[in-house]
Amino acid sequence: MICTTWPALALGFAVGCGSSAPAVTSSPTSPGDPAQQGCSRTSVGLTPLSDLAGTYQGEGGGLYPGGLSALPAFHLAEGLARARAIAPLDAAGRPSASGSYVFVSIGMSNTTQEFSTFKPMADGDGSRDSRLVVVDGAQGGVTAADWSNPGCPCWSQVTSRLQSAGVTAAQVATAWIKLADRQPSEGWPGHAEKLRDNIVRVLQLLPARFPNLKLAYLSSRIYAGYATSTLNPEPYAYQSGFSVRWTIQEQLRGGLRYDGPSPASPWLAWGPYLWADGLTPRSDGLTWSCSEFQSDGTHPATSGRQKVAMRLLDFVRTDPTAREWYLARP
């Protein structure tokens, strides 16, 4: 993975540098309880948002409002229009048949570990549009709070990585954003609201940095029940799903405007939803075993990275908006 050299990040995420499910109304045992840490914690008793028919702390299930896990029709139509308008650009961001367009990642160490596994898969995918350039902008140790600071060196690092890939910020058209904060300690809903606010601030920085960014796909954390530290354990990983949902919901309600000459944000939707309750299968079969994590129970091991990367690859191939810009066009 790629670690930052920013001293303030030393304590960050970098490694070595329709169901009848019962309502869930309370948090699991304290994440700081040693008896509830490590590989023995194969479940925290929570229901994935995509399967939640009851409530969690008064919040209903679903990835989108109304308990749904599909985009509202009006927002999907807007996303499709924007996706179909994506075209190759030259270095200055002008339409060019010989140009490129970029899919970039933004996030912390888990994000860069997962996206750097996805990149060679996408690069070798014969169905990918050859004009699409995949660039991993995510960085170890850089949290949502850090990314929300316009002066964060992480932004210069993204520029550098784009340059190394032979593209520019003006060619960035789509993004995968997966953010978290280090060592959360607030009770519900304090941490989830704080993370939402940081995600919103990051999104508001993007139009100026990437003037041709059309679409951004958000994901929340993977399971953290095996965590052996307070870096970002449960229930915070689970609760980050609400942070993402609230962010997208704000745009659906008319905030975070994505159209017009001075947009406040790119168009937003969920990317792959990655949380499952340990070894308890989600409705689509997703589980997380301890062997898919490194020894800290927080960062994915090789097999965990591959699992996320494959889900992201399936997403860009099949999502109605993503496949418009990812797949080769006739």
C-alpha atoms as a PDB file:
ATOM      1  CA  MET A   1       0.000   0.000   0.000  1.00  0.00           C
ATOM      2  CA  ILE A   2       0.992   3.632  -0.309  1.00  0.00           C
ATOM      3  CA  CYS A   3       1.662   5.449   2.936  1.00  0.00           C
ATOM      4  CA  THR A   4       1.654   9.194   3.404  1.00  0.00           C
ATOM      5  CA  THR A   5       4.626  11.004   4.846  1.00  0.00           C
ATOM      6  CA  TRP A   6       2.446  13.622   6.523  1.00  0.00           C
ATOM      7  CA  PRO A   7       3.496  13.440  10.207  1.00  0.00           C
ATOM      8  CA  ALA A   8       0.019  14.267  11.490  1.00  0.00           C
ATOM      9  CA  LEU A   9      -1.215  10.994  10.022  1.00  0.00           C
ATOM     10  CA  ALA A  10       0.979   8.720  12.086  1.00  0.00           C
ATOM     11  CA  LEU A  11      -2.024   7.393  13.976  1.00  0.00           C
ATOM     12  CA  GLY A  12      -4.147   6.965  10.872  1.00  0.00           C
ATOM     13  CA  PHE A  13      -5.245   3.939   8.908  1.00  0.00           C
ATOM     14  CA  ALA A  14      -1.849   3.164   7.376  1.00  0.00           C
ATOM     15  CA  VAL A  15      -0.532  -0.335   7.995  1.00  0.00           C
ATOM     16  CA  GLY A  16       2.987  -0.429   9.314  1.00  0.00           C
ATOM     17  CA  CYS A  17       3.576   3.227   8.610  1.00  0.00           C
ATOM     18  CA  GLY A  18     -38.401  -7.227   2.225  1.00  0.00           C
ATOM     19  CA  SER A  19     -37.436  -9.529   5.111  1.00  0.00           C
ATOM     20  CA  SER A  20     -38.827 -10.241   8.545  1.00  0.00           C
ATOM     21  CA  ALA A  21     -35.578  -9.389  10.230  1.00  0.00           C
ATOM     22  CA  PRO A  22     -36.117  -8.167  13.793  1.00  0.00           C
ATOM     23  CA  ALA A  23     -35.703  -4.497  14.591  1.00  0.00           C
ATOM     24  CA  VAL A  24     -32.303  -3.556  15.948  1.00  0.00           C
ATOM     25  CA  THR A  25     -32.586  -0.757  18.442  1.00  0.00           C
ATOM     26  CA  SER A  26     -29.331  -0.713  20.371  1.00  0.00           C
ATOM     27  CA  SER A  27     -25.614  -0.817  19.785  1.00  0.00           C
ATOM     28  CA  PRO A  28     -23.652  -4.048  20.367  1.00  0.00           C
ATOM     29  CA  THR A  29     -21.279  -4.583  23.270  1.00  0.00           C
ATOM     30  CA  SER A  30     -18.716  -1.809  23.616  1.00  0.00           C
ATOM     31  CA  PRO A  31     -16.055  -2.100  20.894  1.00  0.00           C
ATOM     32  CA  GLY A  32     -13.424  -1.614  23.584  1.00  0.00           C
ATOM     33  CA  ASP A  33     -14.356  -4.827  25.433  1.00  0.00           C
ATOM     34  CA  PRO A  34     -11.390  -7.235  24.952  1.00  0.00           C
ATOM     35  CA  ALA A  35     -13.756 -10.215  25.246  1.00  0.00           C
ATOM     36  CA  GLN A  36     -15.508  -8.982  22.120  1.00  0.00           C
ATOM     37  CA  GLN A  37     -12.408  -8.504  19.969  1.00  0.00           C
ATOM     38  CA  GLY A  38     -10.470 -10.662  17.555  1.00  0.00           C
ATOM     39  CA  CYS A  39     -11.390 -13.682  15.483  1.00  0.00           C
ATOM     40  CA  SER A  40     -13.921 -14.977  17.996  1.00  0.00           C
ATOM     41  CA  ARG A  41     -16.217 -12.052  17.222  1.00  0.00           C
ATOM     42  CA  THR A  42     -17.839 -13.587  14.180  1.00  0.00           C
ATOM     43  CA  SER A  43     -20.984 -11.454  14.522  1.00  0.00           C
ATOM     44  CA  VAL A  44     -22.048  -8.207  16.196  1.00  0.00           C
ATOM     45  CA  GLY A  45     -25.751  -8.910  15.800  1.00  0.00           C
ATOM     46  CA  LEU A  46     -26.493  -6.078  13.389  1.00  0.00           C
ATOM     47  CA  THR A  47     -28.419  -6.266  10.123  1.00  0.00           C
ATOM     48  CA  PRO A  48     -26.926  -4.857   6.901  1.00  0.00           C
ATOM     49  CA  LEU A  49     -28.740  -1.746   5.667  1.00  0.00           C
ATOM     50  CA  SER A  50     -29.657  -3.560   2.471  1.00  0.00           C
ATOM     51  CA  ASP A  51     -31.470  -6.244   4.516  1.00  0.00           C
ATOM     52  CA  LEU A  52     -32.746  -4.184   7.445  1.00  0.00           C
ATOM     53  CA  ALA A  53     -36.549  -4.360   7.645  1.00  0.00           C
ATOM     54  CA  GLY A  54     -36.761  -3.027  11.179  1.00  0.00           C
ATOM     55  CA  THR A  55     -34.817  -0.112  12.611  1.00  0.00           C
ATOM     56  CA  TYR A  56     -31.434   0.656  14.071  1.00  0.00           C
ATOM     57  CA  GLN A  57     -31.547   3.392  16.724  1.00  0.00           C
ATOM     58  CA  GLY A  58     -34.729   4.678  15.104  1.00  0.00           C
ATOM     59  CA  GLU A  59     -33.314   4.628  11.560  1.00  0.00           C
ATOM     60  CA  GLY A  60     -34.973   2.412   8.982  1.00  0.00           C
ATOM     61  CA  GLY A  61     -33.178   0.175   6.526  1.00  0.00           C
ATOM     62  CA  GLY A  62     -32.379   0.478   2.855  1.00  0.00           C
ATOM     63  CA  LEU A  63     -29.597   2.264   1.035  1.00  0.00           C
ATOM     64  CA  TYR A  64     -31.962   4.977  -0.169  1.00  0.00           C
ATOM     65  CA  PRO A  65     -35.023   6.695   1.383  1.00  0.00           C
ATOM     66  CA  GLY A  66     -38.187   4.711   1.932  1.00  0.00           C
ATOM     67  CA  GLY A  67     -36.356   1.500   2.798  1.00  0.00           C
ATOM     68  CA  LEU A  68     -35.297   1.014  -0.821  1.00  0.00           C
ATOM     69  CA  SER A  69     -31.942  -0.190  -2.093  1.00  0.00           C
ATOM     70  CA  ALA A  70     -32.446   1.107  -5.634  1.00  0.00           C
ATOM     71  CA  LEU A  71     -32.024   4.658  -6.881  1.00  0.00           C
ATOM     72  CA  PRO A  72     -35.174   6.776  -7.151  1.00  0.00           C
ATOM     73  CA  ALA A  73     -36.203   6.951 -10.818  1.00  0.00           C
ATOM     74  CA  PHE A  74     -35.664  10.696 -11.189  1.00  0.00           C
ATOM     75  CA  HIS A  75     -32.134  10.504  -9.810  1.00  0.00           C
ATOM     76  CA  LEU A  76     -31.271   7.479 -11.924  1.00  0.00           C
ATOM     77  CA  ALA A  77     -32.409   9.341 -15.035  1.00  0.00           C
ATOM     78  CA  GLU A  78     -30.130  12.267 -14.157  1.00  0.00           C
ATOM     79  CA  GLY A  79     -27.237   9.895 -13.522  1.00  0.00           C
ATOM     80  CA  LEU A  80     -27.732   8.113 -16.817  1.00  0.00           C
ATOM     81  CA  ALA A  81     -27.760  11.398 -18.710  1.00  0.00           C
ATOM     82  CA  ARG A  82     -24.512  12.459 -17.066  1.00  0.00           C
ATOM     83  CA  ALA A  83     -22.891   9.058 -17.574  1.00  0.00           C
ATOM     84  CA  ARG A  84     -23.769   9.015 -21.268  1.00  0.00           C
ATOM     85  CA  ALA A  85     -22.267  12.476 -21.676  1.00  0.00           C
ATOM     86  CA  ILE A  86     -18.838  11.330 -20.461  1.00  0.00           C
ATOM     87  CA  ALA A  87     -16.362  11.414 -23.330  1.00  0.00           C
ATOM     88  CA  PRO A  88     -12.586  11.498 -23.816  1.00  0.00           C
ATOM     89  CA  LEU A  89     -10.927  14.805 -22.937  1.00  0.00           C
ATOM     90  CA  ASP A  90      -7.542  16.323 -23.641  1.00  0.00           C
ATOM     91  CA  ALA A  91      -5.249  17.465 -20.827  1.00  0.00           C
ATOM     92  CA  ALA A  92      -7.062  20.796 -20.605  1.00  0.00           C
ATOM     93  CA  GLY A  93     -10.447  19.111 -20.267  1.00  0.00           C
ATOM     94  CA  ARG A  94     -11.632  19.765 -23.841  1.00  0.00           C
ATOM     95  CA  PRO A  95     -13.423  17.054 -25.851  1.00  0.00           C
ATOM     96  CA  SER A  96     -10.882  15.063 -27.838  1.00  0.00           C
ATOM     97  CA  ALA A  97     -11.287  11.813 -29.757  1.00  0.00           C
ATOM     98  CA  SER A  98      -7.685  10.945 -28.858  1.00  0.00           C
ATOM     99  CA  GLY A  99      -8.066  11.883 -25.205  1.00  0.00           C
ATOM    100  CA  SER A 100      -8.873   9.977 -22.025  1.00  0.00           C
ATOM    101  CA  TYR A 101     -11.165  10.130 -19.017  1.00  0.00           C
ATOM    102  CA  VAL A 102     -10.381   9.058 -15.467  1.00  0.00           C
ATOM    103  CA  PHE A 103     -11.922   6.965 -12.687  1.00  0.00           C
ATOM    104  CA  VAL A 104     -10.200   7.979  -9.428  1.00  0.00           C
ATOM    105  CA  SER A 105     -10.418   6.748  -5.836  1.00  0.00           C
ATOM    106  CA  ILE A 106     -10.509   8.932  -2.722  1.00  0.00           C
ATOM    107  CA  GLY A 107     -10.130   7.490   0.764  1.00  0.00           C
ATOM    108  CA  MET A 108      -7.964   5.939   3.464  1.00  0.00           C
ATOM    109  CA  SER A 109      -5.704   2.875   3.673  1.00  0.00           C
ATOM    110  CA  ASN A 110      -8.475   0.307   3.216  1.00  0.00           C
ATOM    111  CA  THR A 111      -9.568   2.204   0.117  1.00  0.00           C
ATOM    112  CA  THR A 112      -6.123   2.290  -1.475  1.00  0.00           C
ATOM    113  CA  GLN A 113      -5.534  -1.379  -0.638  1.00  0.00           C
ATOM    114  CA  GLU A 114      -8.818  -2.344  -2.276  1.00  0.00           C
ATOM    115  CA  PHE A 115      -8.618   0.025  -5.250  1.00  0.00           C
ATOM    116  CA  SER A 116      -5.003  -0.861  -6.001  1.00  0.00           C
ATOM    117  CA  THR A 117      -6.218  -4.469  -6.254  1.00  0.00           C
ATOM    118  CA  PHE A 118      -9.104  -3.387  -8.479  1.00  0.00           C
ATOM    119  CA  LYS A 119      -6.890  -1.366 -10.836  1.00  0.00           C
ATOM    120  CA  PRO A 120      -4.990  -4.267 -12.458  1.00  0.00           C
ATOM    121  CA  MET A 121      -8.267  -6.158 -12.762  1.00  0.00           C
ATOM    122  CA  ALA A 122      -9.803  -3.224 -14.623  1.00  0.00           C
ATOM    123  CA  ASP A 123      -6.669  -2.580 -16.684  1.00  0.00           C
ATOM    124  CA  GLY A 124      -6.757  -6.185 -17.868  1.00  0.00           C
ATOM    125  CA  ASP A 125     -10.502  -6.250 -18.482  1.00  0.00           C
ATOM    126  CA  GLY A 126     -11.232  -6.564 -22.187  1.00  0.00           C
ATOM    127  CA  SER A 127     -14.702  -5.122 -21.687  1.00  0.00           C
ATOM    128  CA  ARG A 128     -13.348  -1.812 -20.321  1.00  0.00           C
ATOM    129  CA  ASP A 129     -13.374   1.235 -22.569  1.00  0.00           C
ATOM    130  CA  SER A 130      -9.734   1.613 -23.578  1.00  0.00           C
ATOM    131  CA  ARG A 131      -9.928   5.384 -23.150  1.00  0.00           C
ATOM    132  CA  LEU A 132     -10.729   5.008 -19.446  1.00  0.00           C
ATOM    133  CA  VAL A 133      -7.726   5.480 -17.110  1.00  0.00           C
ATOM    134  CA  VAL A 134      -7.987   4.114 -13.562  1.00  0.00           C
ATOM    135  CA  VAL A 135      -5.992   6.053 -10.941  1.00  0.00           C
ATOM    136  CA  ASP A 136      -5.746   5.211  -7.240  1.00  0.00           C
ATOM    137  CA  GLY A 137      -5.854   8.519  -5.382  1.00  0.00           C
ATOM    138  CA  ALA A 138      -6.661   7.008  -1.974  1.00  0.00           C
ATOM    139  CA  GLN A 139      -3.891   7.137   0.609  1.00  0.00           C
ATOM    140  CA  GLY A 140      -2.984   5.325   3.789  1.00  0.00           C
ATOM    141  CA  GLY A 141      -3.556   7.319   6.953  1.00  0.00           C
ATOM    142  CA  VAL A 142      -5.695  10.013   5.319  1.00  0.00           C
ATOM    143  CA  THR A 143      -9.067  10.152   7.032  1.00  0.00           C
ATOM    144  CA  ALA A 144     -12.319  11.865   6.105  1.00  0.00           C
ATOM    145  CA  ALA A 145     -11.388  14.790   8.354  1.00  0.00           C
ATOM    146  CA  ASP A 146      -8.027  15.091   6.603  1.00  0.00           C
ATOM    147  CA  TRP A 147      -9.527  14.971   3.103  1.00  0.00           C
ATOM    148  CA  SER A 148     -12.051  17.635   4.119  1.00  0.00           C
ATOM    149  CA  ASN A 149      -9.187  20.103   4.630  1.00  0.00           C
ATOM    150  CA  PRO A 150      -8.434  21.883   1.324  1.00  0.00           C
ATOM    151  CA  GLY A 151      -4.837  22.320   2.491  1.00  0.00           C
ATOM    152  CA  CYS A 152      -4.255  18.598   3.033  1.00  0.00           C
ATOM    153  CA  PRO A 153      -1.101  17.371   1.217  1.00  0.00           C
ATOM    154  CA  CYS A 154      -3.244  14.444   0.094  1.00  0.00           C
ATOM    155  CA  TRP A 155      -4.679  16.599  -2.696  1.00  0.00           C
ATOM    156  CA  SER A 156      -1.220  17.322  -4.092  1.00  0.00           C
ATOM    157  CA  GLN A 157      -0.527  13.599  -3.942  1.00  0.00           C
ATOM    158  CA  VAL A 158      -3.603  12.929  -6.075  1.00  0.00           C
ATOM    159  CA  THR A 159      -2.354  15.454  -8.629  1.00  0.00           C
ATOM    160  CA  SER A 160       1.021  13.736  -8.662  1.00  0.00           C
ATOM    161  CA  ARG A 161      -0.535  10.321  -9.214  1.00  0.00           C
ATOM    162  CA  LEU A 162      -2.653  11.635 -12.062  1.00  0.00           C
ATOM    163  CA  GLN A 163       0.455  13.086 -13.677  1.00  0.00           C
ATOM    164  CA  SER A 164       2.269   9.764 -13.268  1.00  0.00           C
ATOM    165  CA  ALA A 165      -0.609   8.095 -15.099  1.00  0.00           C
ATOM    166  CA  GLY A 166      -0.328  10.597 -17.957  1.00  0.00           C
ATOM    167  CA  VAL A 167      -3.594  12.376 -17.209  1.00  0.00           C
ATOM    168  CA  THR A 168      -4.732  15.553 -15.459  1.00  0.00           C
ATOM    169  CA  ALA A 169      -7.350  16.668 -12.937  1.00  0.00           C
ATOM    170  CA  ALA A 170      -9.345  18.124 -15.843  1.00  0.00           C
ATOM    171  CA  GLN A 171      -9.835  14.594 -17.220  1.00  0.00           C
ATOM    172  CA  VAL A 172     -11.317  13.103 -14.029  1.00  0.00           C
ATOM    173  CA  ALA A 173     -14.922  12.108 -14.805  1.00  0.00           C
ATOM    174  CA  THR A 174     -15.890   9.584 -12.116  1.00  0.00           C
ATOM    175  CA  ALA A 175     -14.806   8.699  -8.581  1.00  0.00           C
ATOM    176  CA  TRP A 176     -15.109   5.978  -5.949  1.00  0.00           C
ATOM    177  CA  ILE A 177     -15.130   7.518  -2.472  1.00  0.00           C
ATOM    178  CA  LYS A 178     -14.788   5.449   0.708  1.00  0.00           C
ATOM    179  CA  LEU A 179     -13.971   7.468   3.822  1.00  0.00           C
ATOM    180  CA  ALA A 180     -13.635   6.888   7.562  1.00  0.00           C
ATOM    181  CA  ASP A 181     -12.257   8.676  10.604  1.00  0.00           C
ATOM    182  CA  ARG A 182      -9.640   7.393  13.033  1.00  0.00           C
ATOM    183  CA  GLN A 183     -10.419   6.309  16.579  1.00  0.00           C
ATOM    184  CA  PRO A 184     -14.042   7.444  16.816  1.00  0.00           C
ATOM    185  CA  SER A 185     -15.462   7.592  20.331  1.00  0.00           C
ATOM    186  CA  GLU A 186     -18.767   9.436  20.078  1.00  0.00           C
ATOM    187  CA  GLY A 187     -22.032   7.709  20.833  1.00  0.00           C
ATOM    188  CA  TRP A 188     -24.864   7.375  18.361  1.00  0.00           C
ATOM    189  CA  PRO A 189     -25.511   9.371  16.248  1.00  0.00           C
ATOM    190  CA  GLY A 190     -22.579  11.704  16.943  1.00  0.00           C
ATOM    191  CA  HIS A 191     -19.885   9.833  15.058  1.00  0.00           C
ATOM    192  CA  ALA A 192     -22.134   9.016  12.108  1.00  0.00           C
ATOM    193  CA  GLU A 193     -23.169  12.664  11.796  1.00  0.00           C
ATOM    194  CA  LYS A 194     -19.563  13.845  12.085  1.00  0.00           C
ATOM    195  CA  LEU A 195     -18.489  11.450   9.340  1.00  0.00           C
ATOM    196  CA  ARG A 196     -21.397  12.564   7.158  1.00  0.00           C
ATOM    197  CA  ASP A 197     -20.364  16.188   7.589  1.00  0.00           C
ATOM    198  CA  ASN A 198     -16.766  15.355   6.634  1.00  0.00           C
ATOM    199  CA  ILE A 199     -17.937  13.445   3.554  1.00  0.00           C
ATOM    200  CA  VAL A 200     -20.054  16.423   2.524  1.00  0.00           C
ATOM    201  CA  ARG A 201     -17.092  18.781   2.891  1.00  0.00           C
ATOM    202  CA  VAL A 202     -14.940  16.492   0.751  1.00  0.00           C
ATOM    203  CA  LEU A 203     -17.625  16.384  -1.945  1.00  0.00           C
ATOM    204  CA  GLN A 204     -17.869  20.165  -1.922  1.00  0.00           C
ATOM    205  CA  LEU A 205     -14.141  20.413  -2.666  1.00  0.00           C
ATOM    206  CA  LEU A 206     -14.335  18.190  -5.735  1.00  0.00           C
ATOM    207  CA  PRO A 207     -15.908  20.474  -8.378  1.00  0.00           C
ATOM    208  CA  ALA A 208     -13.065  22.973  -8.121  1.00  0.00           C
ATOM    209  CA  ARG A 209     -10.384  20.294  -8.161  1.00  0.00           C
ATOM    210  CA  PHE A 210     -11.973  18.122 -10.853  1.00  0.00           C
ATOM    211  CA  PRO A 211     -14.091  20.463 -13.003  1.00  0.00           C
ATOM    212  CA  ASN A 212     -15.304  17.657 -15.283  1.00  0.00           C
ATOM    213  CA  LEU A 213     -16.195  15.188 -12.523  1.00  0.00           C
ATOM    214  CA  LYS A 214     -19.723  13.984 -13.307  1.00  0.00           C
ATOM    215  CA  LEU A 215     -20.436  11.062 -10.990  1.00  0.00           C
ATOM    216  CA  ALA A 216     -19.237   9.911  -7.558  1.00  0.00           C
ATOM    217  CA  TYR A 217     -20.034   6.535  -6.030  1.00  0.00           C
ATOM    218  CA  LEU A 218     -19.851   6.223  -2.235  1.00  0.00           C
ATOM    219  CA  SER A 219     -19.162   3.114  -0.166  1.00  0.00           C
ATOM    220  CA  SER A 220     -19.011   2.563   3.581  1.00  0.00           C
ATOM    221  CA  ARG A 221     -16.751   0.309   5.639  1.00  0.00           C
ATOM    222  CA  ILE A 222     -16.430  -3.449   5.566  1.00  0.00           C
ATOM    223  CA  TYR A 223     -17.024  -5.492   8.755  1.00  0.00           C
ATOM    224  CA  ALA A 224     -14.860  -4.486  11.717  1.00  0.00           C
ATOM    225  CA  GLY A 225     -15.971  -6.960  14.353  1.00  0.00           C
ATOM    226  CA  TYR A 226     -12.574  -8.665  14.301  1.00  0.00           C
ATOM    227  CA  ALA A 227     -10.786  -5.408  15.149  1.00  0.00           C
ATOM    228  CA  THR A 228      -8.184  -5.656  17.910  1.00  0.00           C
ATOM    229  CA  SER A 229      -7.758  -1.906  18.393  1.00  0.00           C
ATOM    230  CA  THR A 230      -9.851   1.248  18.682  1.00  0.00           C
ATOM    231  CA  LEU A 231      -8.755   2.495  15.247  1.00  0.00           C
ATOM    232  CA  ASN A 232     -12.233   2.062  13.737  1.00  0.00           C
ATOM    233  CA  PRO A 233     -14.083  -0.909  15.264  1.00  0.00           C
ATOM    234  CA  GLU A 234     -17.738  -1.795  15.433  1.00  0.00           C
ATOM    235  CA  PRO A 235     -20.296  -0.368  15.639  1.00  0.00           C
ATOM    236  CA  TYR A 236     -18.616   2.551  13.850  1.00  0.00           C
ATOM    237  CA  ALA A 237     -17.952   0.607  10.646  1.00  0.00           C
ATOM    238  CA  TYR A 238     -21.627  -0.388  10.516  1.00  0.00           C
ATOM    239  CA  GLN A 239     -22.791   3.132  11.342  1.00  0.00           C
ATOM    240  CA  SER A 240     -20.720   4.585   8.496  1.00  0.00           C
ATOM    241  CA  GLY A 241     -23.389   3.192   6.190  1.00  0.00           C
ATOM    242  CA  PHE A 242     -25.839   5.693   7.638  1.00  0.00           C
ATOM    243  CA  SER A 243     -23.321   8.488   7.069  1.00  0.00           C
ATOM    244  CA  VAL A 244     -23.229   7.605   3.372  1.00  0.00           C
ATOM    245  CA  ARG A 245     -27.003   7.232   3.152  1.00  0.00           C
ATOM    246  CA  TRP A 246     -27.616  10.603   4.814  1.00  0.00           C
ATOM    247  CA  THR A 247     -25.145  12.255   2.437  1.00  0.00           C
ATOM    248  CA  ILE A 248     -26.896  10.917  -0.647  1.00  0.00           C
ATOM    249  CA  GLN A 249     -30.278  11.674   0.903  1.00  0.00           C
ATOM    250  CA  GLU A 250     -29.255  15.305   1.259  1.00  0.00           C
ATOM    251  CA  GLN A 251     -28.734  15.508  -2.502  1.00  0.00           C
ATOM    252  CA  LEU A 252     -32.014  13.728  -3.214  1.00  0.00           C
ATOM    253  CA  ARG A 253     -33.751  16.393  -1.139  1.00  0.00           C
ATOM    254  CA  GLY A 254     -32.251  19.210  -3.172  1.00  0.00           C
ATOM    255  CA  GLY A 255     -28.981  19.883  -1.386  1.00  0.00           C
ATOM    256  CA  LEU A 256     -25.479  19.280  -2.771  1.00  0.00           C
ATOM    257  CA  ARG A 257     -26.576  20.552  -6.178  1.00  0.00           C
ATOM    258  CA  TYR A 258     -24.735  18.851  -9.043  1.00  0.00           C
ATOM    259  CA  ASP A 259     -26.043  20.799 -12.044  1.00  0.00           C
ATOM    260  CA  GLY A 260     -25.562  24.335 -13.310  1.00  0.00           C
ATOM    261  CA  PRO A 261     -22.399  26.405 -13.808  1.00  0.00           C
ATOM    262  CA  SER A 262     -21.165  26.160 -10.196  1.00  0.00           C
ATOM    263  CA  PRO A 263     -22.149  22.762  -8.796  1.00  0.00           C
ATOM    264  CA  ALA A 264     -21.698  22.057  -5.099  1.00  0.00           C
ATOM    265  CA  SER A 265     -20.961  18.366  -5.636  1.00  0.00           C
ATOM    266  CA  PRO A 266     -20.867  15.658  -8.285  1.00  0.00           C
ATOM    267  CA  TRP A 267     -23.972  13.532  -8.800  1.00  0.00           C
ATOM    268  CA  LEU A 268     -24.034  10.911  -6.023  1.00  0.00           C
ATOM    269  CA  ALA A 269     -25.075   7.297  -5.642  1.00  0.00           C
ATOM    270  CA  TRP A 270     -24.042   4.251  -3.680  1.00  0.00           C
ATOM    271  CA  GLY A 271     -21.166   2.205  -4.991  1.00  0.00           C
ATOM    272  CA  PRO A 272     -20.969  -1.367  -3.712  1.00  0.00           C
ATOM    273  CA  TYR A 273     -22.326  -1.737  -0.162  1.00  0.00           C
ATOM    274  CA  LEU A 274     -19.696  -3.866   1.546  1.00  0.00           C
ATOM    275  CA  TRP A 275     -20.799  -4.452   5.148  1.00  0.00           C
ATOM    276  CA  ALA A 276     -21.973  -7.867   6.296  1.00  0.00           C
ATOM    277  CA  ASP A 277     -22.253  -9.192   9.847  1.00  0.00           C
ATOM    278  CA  GLY A 278     -19.127 -11.350   9.982  1.00  0.00           C
ATOM    279  CA  LEU A 279     -19.956 -14.967   9.236  1.00  0.00           C
ATOM    280  CA  THR A 280     -23.712 -14.319   9.157  1.00  0.00           C
ATOM    281  CA  PRO A 281     -24.597 -14.381   5.456  1.00  0.00           C
ATOM    282  CA  ARG A 282     -26.219 -11.325   3.948  1.00  0.00           C
ATOM    283  CA  SER A 283     -29.218 -11.938   1.676  1.00  0.00           C
ATOM    284  CA  ASP A 284     -26.845 -11.995  -1.307  1.00  0.00           C
ATOM    285  CA  GLY A 285     -24.479 -14.376   0.505  1.00  0.00           C
ATOM    286  CA  LEU A 286     -21.762 -11.884   1.479  1.00  0.00           C
ATOM    287  CA  THR A 287     -19.825 -12.789   4.630  1.00  0.00           C
ATOM    288  CA  TRP A 288     -16.536 -11.706   6.199  1.00  0.00           C
ATOM    289  CA  SER A 289     -14.215 -14.265   7.790  1.00  0.00           C
ATOM    290  CA  CYS A 290     -11.302 -13.383  10.033  1.00  0.00           C
ATOM    291  CA  SER A 291      -8.864 -14.898   7.526  1.00  0.00           C
ATOM    292  CA  GLU A 292      -9.796 -12.100   5.122  1.00  0.00           C
ATOM    293  CA  PHE A 293      -8.234  -9.524   7.457  1.00  0.00           C
ATOM    294  CA  GLN A 294      -4.762  -8.653   8.600  1.00  0.00           C
ATOM    295  CA  SER A 295      -3.811  -9.260  12.224  1.00  0.00           C
ATOM    296  CA  ASP A 296      -5.376  -5.966  13.329  1.00  0.00           C
ATOM    297  CA  GLY A 297      -8.802  -7.173  12.214  1.00  0.00           C
ATOM    298  CA  THR A 298      -9.370  -3.835  10.489  1.00  0.00           C
ATOM    299  CA  HIS A 299      -7.384  -3.811   7.245  1.00  0.00           C
ATOM    300  CA  PRO A 300      -8.211  -6.421   4.609  1.00  0.00           C
ATOM    301  CA  ALA A 301      -5.728  -9.160   3.840  1.00  0.00           C
ATOM    302  CA  THR A 302      -5.057 -10.106   0.216  1.00  0.00           C
ATOM    303  CA  SER A 303      -8.233 -12.198   0.002  1.00  0.00           C
ATOM    304  CA  GLY A 304     -10.291  -9.396   1.560  1.00  0.00           C
ATOM    305  CA  ARG A 305      -8.898  -6.858  -0.892  1.00  0.00           C
ATOM    306  CA  GLN A 306      -9.716  -9.184  -3.762  1.00  0.00           C
ATOM    307  CA  LYS A 307     -13.267  -9.608  -2.471  1.00  0.00           C
ATOM    308  CA  VAL A 308     -13.857  -5.849  -2.452  1.00  0.00           C
ATOM    309  CA  ALA A 309     -12.106  -5.391  -5.800  1.00  0.00           C
ATOM    310  CA  MET A 310     -14.275  -8.049  -7.426  1.00  0.00           C
ATOM    311  CA  ARG A 311     -17.428  -6.418  -6.055  1.00  0.00           C
ATOM    312  CA  LEU A 312     -16.277  -3.053  -7.378  1.00  0.00           C
ATOM    313  CA  LEU A 313     -15.495  -4.608 -10.768  1.00  0.00           C
ATOM    314  CA  ASP A 314     -18.936  -6.222 -10.879  1.00  0.00           C
ATOM    315  CA  PHE A 315     -20.456  -2.875  -9.909  1.00  0.00           C
ATOM    316  CA  VAL A 316     -18.851  -0.878 -12.727  1.00  0.00           C
ATOM    317  CA  ARG A 317     -19.757  -3.587 -15.228  1.00  0.00           C
ATOM    318  CA  THR A 318     -23.410  -3.854 -14.224  1.00  0.00           C
ATOM    319  CA  ASP A 319     -24.610  -0.681 -12.472  1.00  0.00           C
ATOM    320  CA  PRO A 320     -26.915   1.191 -14.892  1.00  0.00           C
ATOM    321  CA  THR A 321     -24.897   4.419 -14.702  1.00  0.00           C
ATOM    322  CA  ALA A 322     -21.392   3.000 -14.244  1.00  0.00           C
ATOM    323  CA  ARG A 323     -21.525   0.596 -17.167  1.00  0.00           C
ATOM    324  CA  GLU A 324     -22.248   3.560 -19.463  1.00  0.00           C
ATOM    325  CA  TRP A 325     -18.728   4.935 -18.935  1.00  0.00           C
ATOM    326  CA  TYR A 326     -16.852   1.772 -17.946  1.00  0.00           C
ATOM    327  CA  LEU A 327     -17.736  -0.611 -20.763  1.00  0.00           C
ATOM    328  CA  ALA A 328     -16.344  -0.207 -24.268  1.00  0.00           C
ATOM    329  CA  ARG A 329     -18.822   1.546 -26.519  1.00  0.00           C
ATOM    330  CA  PRO A 330     -19.828   0.211 -29.942  1.00  0.00           C
END
